[in-house]
Each structure stands twice: as structure tokens, then as C-alpha cells.
Protein backbone atom coordinates (compact mmCIF):
# COMPACT_ATOMS: atom_id res chain seq x y z
CA MET A 1 0.00 0.00 0.00
CA LYS A 2 1.29 3.43 -0.93
CA ILE A 3 0.16 6.67 0.63
CA LYS A 4 1.23 10.04 -0.68
CA MET A 5 3.23 11.92 1.91
CA GLU A 6 5.31 15.05 2.00
CA LEU A 7 9.08 14.54 1.90
CA PRO A 8 11.52 16.47 4.09
CA LYS A 9 12.26 19.89 2.61
CA ILE A 10 16.00 20.25 3.07
CA PRO A 11 18.41 22.50 1.15
CA VAL A 12 21.57 21.07 -0.41
CA ASP A 13 25.09 21.78 0.85
CA LEU A 14 24.19 22.25 4.48
CA PRO A 15 27.00 23.33 6.83
CA VAL A 16 28.28 20.81 9.39
CA LEU A 17 26.89 21.36 12.88
CA ASN A 18 28.65 18.60 14.81
CA GLU A 19 30.06 20.94 17.45
CA GLU A 20 26.65 22.44 18.17
CA MET A 21 25.24 18.99 18.88
CA TYR A 22 27.68 18.46 21.75
CA SER A 23 25.90 21.27 23.60
CA LEU A 24 22.28 20.19 23.05
CA ARG A 25 20.19 21.98 25.66
CA SER A 26 16.56 22.20 26.70
CA LYS A 27 14.50 24.47 24.43
CA GLY A 28 17.50 24.81 22.12
CA GLU A 29 16.80 25.49 18.44
CA TYR A 30 19.00 23.94 15.75
CA SER A 31 18.47 24.31 12.02
CA MET A 32 20.01 24.27 8.57
CA GLY A 33 22.86 21.86 9.18
CA SER A 34 24.23 18.35 8.78
CA VAL A 35 25.57 16.11 11.53
CA GLU A 36 27.79 13.20 10.55
CA ASP A 37 29.90 10.39 12.03
CA MET A 38 29.61 11.23 15.71
CA ILE A 39 28.50 9.75 19.03
CA LEU A 40 26.41 11.63 21.57
CA ASP A 41 25.84 10.12 24.99
CA ASN A 42 24.05 11.02 28.20
CA VAL A 43 22.17 13.92 26.63
CA GLU A 44 19.29 15.22 28.74
CA ALA A 45 17.27 17.98 27.07
CA VAL A 46 13.57 18.82 26.85
CA LYS A 47 11.69 20.58 24.03
CA VAL A 48 14.59 20.67 21.60
CA SER A 49 13.72 21.99 18.13
CA LEU A 50 15.40 20.55 15.02
CA GLU A 51 14.54 21.92 11.56
CA LYS A 52 16.00 21.25 8.11
CA MET A 53 18.70 18.91 9.43
CA THR A 54 20.37 15.71 8.25
CA PHE A 55 21.97 13.10 10.53
CA LYS A 56 24.21 10.41 9.02
CA ASN A 57 26.09 7.69 10.92
CA VAL A 58 25.16 9.33 14.22
CA THR A 59 24.76 7.36 17.46
CA ILE A 60 22.82 8.74 20.42
CA MET A 61 23.27 6.70 23.60
CA GLU A 62 21.62 6.72 27.04
CA SER A 63 19.83 9.96 26.27
CA SER A 64 16.46 11.60 26.77
CA LEU A 65 15.02 14.25 24.43
CA PRO A 66 11.29 14.28 25.21
CA GLU A 67 8.72 16.78 23.93
CA SER A 68 11.00 17.75 21.06
CA GLU A 69 9.95 19.08 17.66
CA TRP A 70 11.50 17.79 14.44
CA THR A 71 10.55 19.26 11.07
CA ASP A 72 12.22 18.40 7.76
CA VAL A 73 14.83 16.00 9.16
CA ILE A 74 16.54 12.90 7.71
CA PHE A 75 18.21 10.22 9.86
CA ASP A 76 20.39 7.94 7.72
CA LYS A 77 22.24 4.94 9.20
CA CYS A 78 21.80 6.29 12.72
CA ASP A 79 21.58 4.37 16.01
CA LEU A 80 18.91 5.89 18.25
CA SER A 81 18.30 2.78 20.33
CA ASN A 82 16.65 3.29 23.73
CA VAL A 83 16.52 7.08 23.35
CA ASN A 84 13.47 8.74 24.92
CA PHE A 85 11.67 10.90 22.34
CA SER A 86 8.27 10.62 24.04
CA GLY A 87 5.72 13.37 23.53
CA SER A 88 7.46 14.79 20.47
CA PHE A 89 6.07 16.32 17.28
CA ILE A 90 7.70 14.76 14.21
CA HIS A 91 6.81 16.19 10.80
CA ARG A 92 8.30 15.46 7.37
CA VAL A 93 10.99 13.14 8.77
CA GLU A 94 12.68 10.08 7.27
CA PHE A 95 14.44 7.26 9.12
CA LYS A 96 16.57 5.22 6.70
CA ASN A 97 18.56 2.14 7.71
CA CYS A 98 18.39 3.16 11.37
CA LYS A 99 18.58 1.16 14.60
CA LEU A 100 15.62 2.02 16.81
CA LEU A 101 15.76 -0.84 19.31
CA GLY A 102 13.61 0.14 22.28
CA THR A 103 13.37 3.77 21.14
CA ASP A 104 10.50 5.56 22.88
CA PHE A 105 8.13 7.55 20.65
CA SER A 106 5.14 7.13 22.97
CA ARG A 107 2.53 9.91 23.00
CA SER A 108 4.20 11.53 19.99
CA ARG A 109 2.53 13.00 16.90
CA LEU A 110 3.99 11.73 13.65
CA GLN A 111 2.92 13.28 10.37
CA ASN A 112 4.50 12.60 6.96
CA VAL A 113 7.04 10.24 8.52
CA ARG A 114 8.69 7.33 6.72
CA PHE A 115 10.64 4.44 8.28
CA SER A 116 12.54 2.30 5.75
CA ASP A 117 14.86 -0.66 6.39
CA CYS A 118 14.91 0.09 10.12
CA LEU A 119 15.53 -2.31 13.01
CA ALA A 120 12.87 -1.20 15.48
CA ASP A 121 12.26 -4.26 17.67
CA TYR A 122 10.82 -3.38 21.10
CA SER A 123 10.30 0.23 20.02
CA MET A 124 7.51 2.07 21.81
CA PHE A 125 4.81 4.11 20.09
CA ARG A 126 1.94 3.68 22.54
CA PHE A 127 -0.73 6.40 22.45
CA ALA A 128 1.00 8.00 19.44
CA ASN A 129 -0.94 9.75 16.69
CA PHE A 130 0.00 8.65 13.15
CA LYS A 131 -1.03 10.63 10.08
CA GLN A 132 0.55 9.73 6.74
CA VAL A 133 3.14 7.41 8.28
CA GLY A 134 4.82 4.52 6.49
CA PHE A 135 6.92 1.55 7.56
CA GLU A 136 8.74 -0.29 4.76
CA ASP A 137 10.95 -3.36 5.20
CA CYS A 138 11.23 -2.76 8.94
CA SER A 139 11.56 -5.18 11.84
CA LEU A 140 9.03 -4.32 14.55
CA ILE A 141 9.23 -7.52 16.57
CA SER A 142 7.51 -7.03 19.96
CA ALA A 143 7.04 -3.33 19.23
CA ASP A 144 4.60 -1.50 21.49
CA LEU A 145 1.94 -0.08 19.14
CA TYR A 146 -0.75 0.10 21.81
CA HIS A 147 -3.73 2.42 21.33
CA LEU A 148 -2.47 4.24 18.25
CA THR A 149 -4.53 6.73 16.27
CA LEU A 150 -3.97 5.64 12.65
CA GLN A 151 -4.71 7.84 9.65
CA LYS A 152 -3.26 6.96 6.24
CA THR A 153 -0.71 4.56 7.71
CA PHE A 154 0.92 1.60 5.98
CA PHE A 155 3.13 -1.33 6.90
CA ASN A 156 4.87 -2.85 3.86
CA ARG A 157 6.92 -6.04 4.19
CA CYS A 158 7.44 -5.58 7.92
CA ASN A 159 8.06 -8.16 10.64
CA LEU A 160 5.38 -7.51 13.25
CA ASP A 161 5.72 -10.74 15.18
CA GLN A 162 4.31 -10.38 18.71
CA ALA A 163 3.78 -6.63 18.28
CA MET A 164 1.32 -5.09 20.74
CA LEU A 165 -1.57 -3.58 18.74
CA SER A 166 -4.36 -3.74 21.31
CA GLY A 167 -6.52 -0.62 21.28
CA SER A 168 -5.37 0.38 17.78
CA LYS A 169 -8.23 0.40 15.26
CA LEU A 170 -6.90 -1.41 12.19
CA ASN A 171 -9.75 -0.66 9.78
CA GLY A 172 -8.21 -0.22 6.34
CA ILE A 173 -4.69 -1.16 7.49
CA ASP A 174 -3.11 -3.67 5.08
CA LEU A 175 -0.91 -6.23 6.82
CA SER A 176 -1.14 -8.81 4.04
CA ASP A 177 2.55 -8.73 3.10
CA CYS A 178 3.84 -8.49 6.66
CA GLU A 179 5.36 -11.32 8.66
CA PHE A 180 4.08 -12.48 12.03
CA ASP A 181 3.24 -15.68 13.87
CA GLY A 182 1.05 -13.78 16.28
CA LEU A 183 -0.05 -10.30 17.25
CA GLN A 184 -1.28 -8.98 20.57
CA VAL A 185 -4.55 -7.47 19.41
CA ASP A 186 -8.20 -7.31 20.44
CA ILE A 187 -10.72 -8.92 18.11
CA GLU A 188 -12.81 -5.73 17.86
CA ASP A 189 -9.77 -3.81 16.59
CA LEU A 190 -9.39 -6.16 13.60
CA ASN A 191 -12.62 -5.05 11.92
CA GLY A 192 -11.68 -3.97 8.38
CA CYS A 193 -8.02 -5.01 8.69
CA ILE A 194 -6.60 -6.50 5.47
CA ILE A 195 -4.73 -9.79 5.87
CA SER A 196 -3.69 -12.67 3.64
CA PRO A 197 -5.32 -16.14 3.77
CA HIS A 198 -2.28 -17.74 5.43
CA GLN A 199 -2.32 -15.08 8.17
CA ALA A 200 -5.91 -15.84 9.11
CA SER A 201 -4.94 -18.78 11.32
CA SER A 202 -3.05 -16.39 13.60
CA PHE A 203 -6.37 -14.86 14.65
CA VAL A 204 -8.44 -18.05 15.04
CA GLY A 205 -7.79 -18.15 18.79
CA LEU A 206 -9.24 -14.67 19.21
CA LEU A 207 -12.53 -15.97 17.79
CA GLY A 208 -12.63 -18.88 20.20
CA LEU A 209 -12.26 -21.39 17.38
CA VAL A 210 -10.18 -24.56 17.28
CA ILE A 211 -8.58 -25.76 14.05
CA LYS A 212 -8.86 -29.53 13.62
């Protein structure tokens, strides 16, 4: 399934802003720059604003950046595992070939956001609001997708095995080319969800049926 979404609007030939990133601070505003080949650790900052930025081969470790605002940003080959981005507003952002193991996006608003070829097992999106959001060729094993608001959202060729989707209304969501042995989901949330014939057996138990 393809959904039209706005791409990040980023100028070419951005100046390098690596040094500025070492001094990330609460309510700091950073824009019009590229950040490459660096490691940031133990960053604690609230309500950071990032606009028209690119991050490539950047690792952020043991850090918390909640309630931040990202607009027109690309993360390419970055490791953001276990970083707390909860409560953030994320608009026109791309994550490409990123590690997002256990990354916390809970209670965030994501609009025009694309995840491609990302390792996002155990990532947390609970209570997030998705509008024009796409996941392509991503691993979301045991991801926490509890009680999402889903508008124009797609999952293409993703591994969703044991993902938590309870409380997320899946009407119109196409999971037919995704991989999973089981999902944690409530039967009422599956109304209108699109699945393949071979996936149907995964949901038999929810209906109280026994295959013989």
C-alpha cells in the first residue's frame, strides 16, 4: 500500500553542525545543518527543536530528548536505540537504515514520517498519533503499538511478530505482506483489517475457534 506523503524539505550543501550537537540543551533550536559520524551520549534535554537537518552515521546513547519538535529531518544509518523521544512532534521526517531498538516515541505525533529498512524491535509508540506514516521493510518484533490513532498509515513487508496492537483500530490497514506468527490485538480492533489467507490462522484463537 502506498500513501502520498510530503518529503523532508532540506536545502543542499548544508553546513556541518557537529560541534553544536555536543551542547544540546533544553528548548534549544537547531536548524540548517548536517551532523555526521559522531557519538552523543548522556544527553538530557527537553523541548529541543530541530529543523532542516540531516543526521548520518550518528549514534545517540543513554539519552532523553522528550517533547521535542523535528521538522524536515533525515536520519540515515543512525543508532537511536533506547533514546526517549516521548511526547514529540515529528513532521516530514525520514528514518533510513536506522537502529531504533527500544526507542521511545510514545505519546508523539507523527505526520508525513517514513521508516525504511529500520531495526525497530521493542520500540515504543503507545498512544501516538499517526497521520501519513509509512513503515517499509522494517523489523518491529515485539514493538509497542498500543492504542495508536492511525490515519493513512501503511506497513509494507514488515516483521510484526508479537507486536502489541491492542486498542489500535486497524480498519483499512493492510498487513497482508507483513510477517508475524502472532499479534497482541483485540478482536474488535481487527474489523476492516486487510490480511492474507495464510495469516488468518493467527487470529483463530481470538474468535474462540479450534482448528482440527
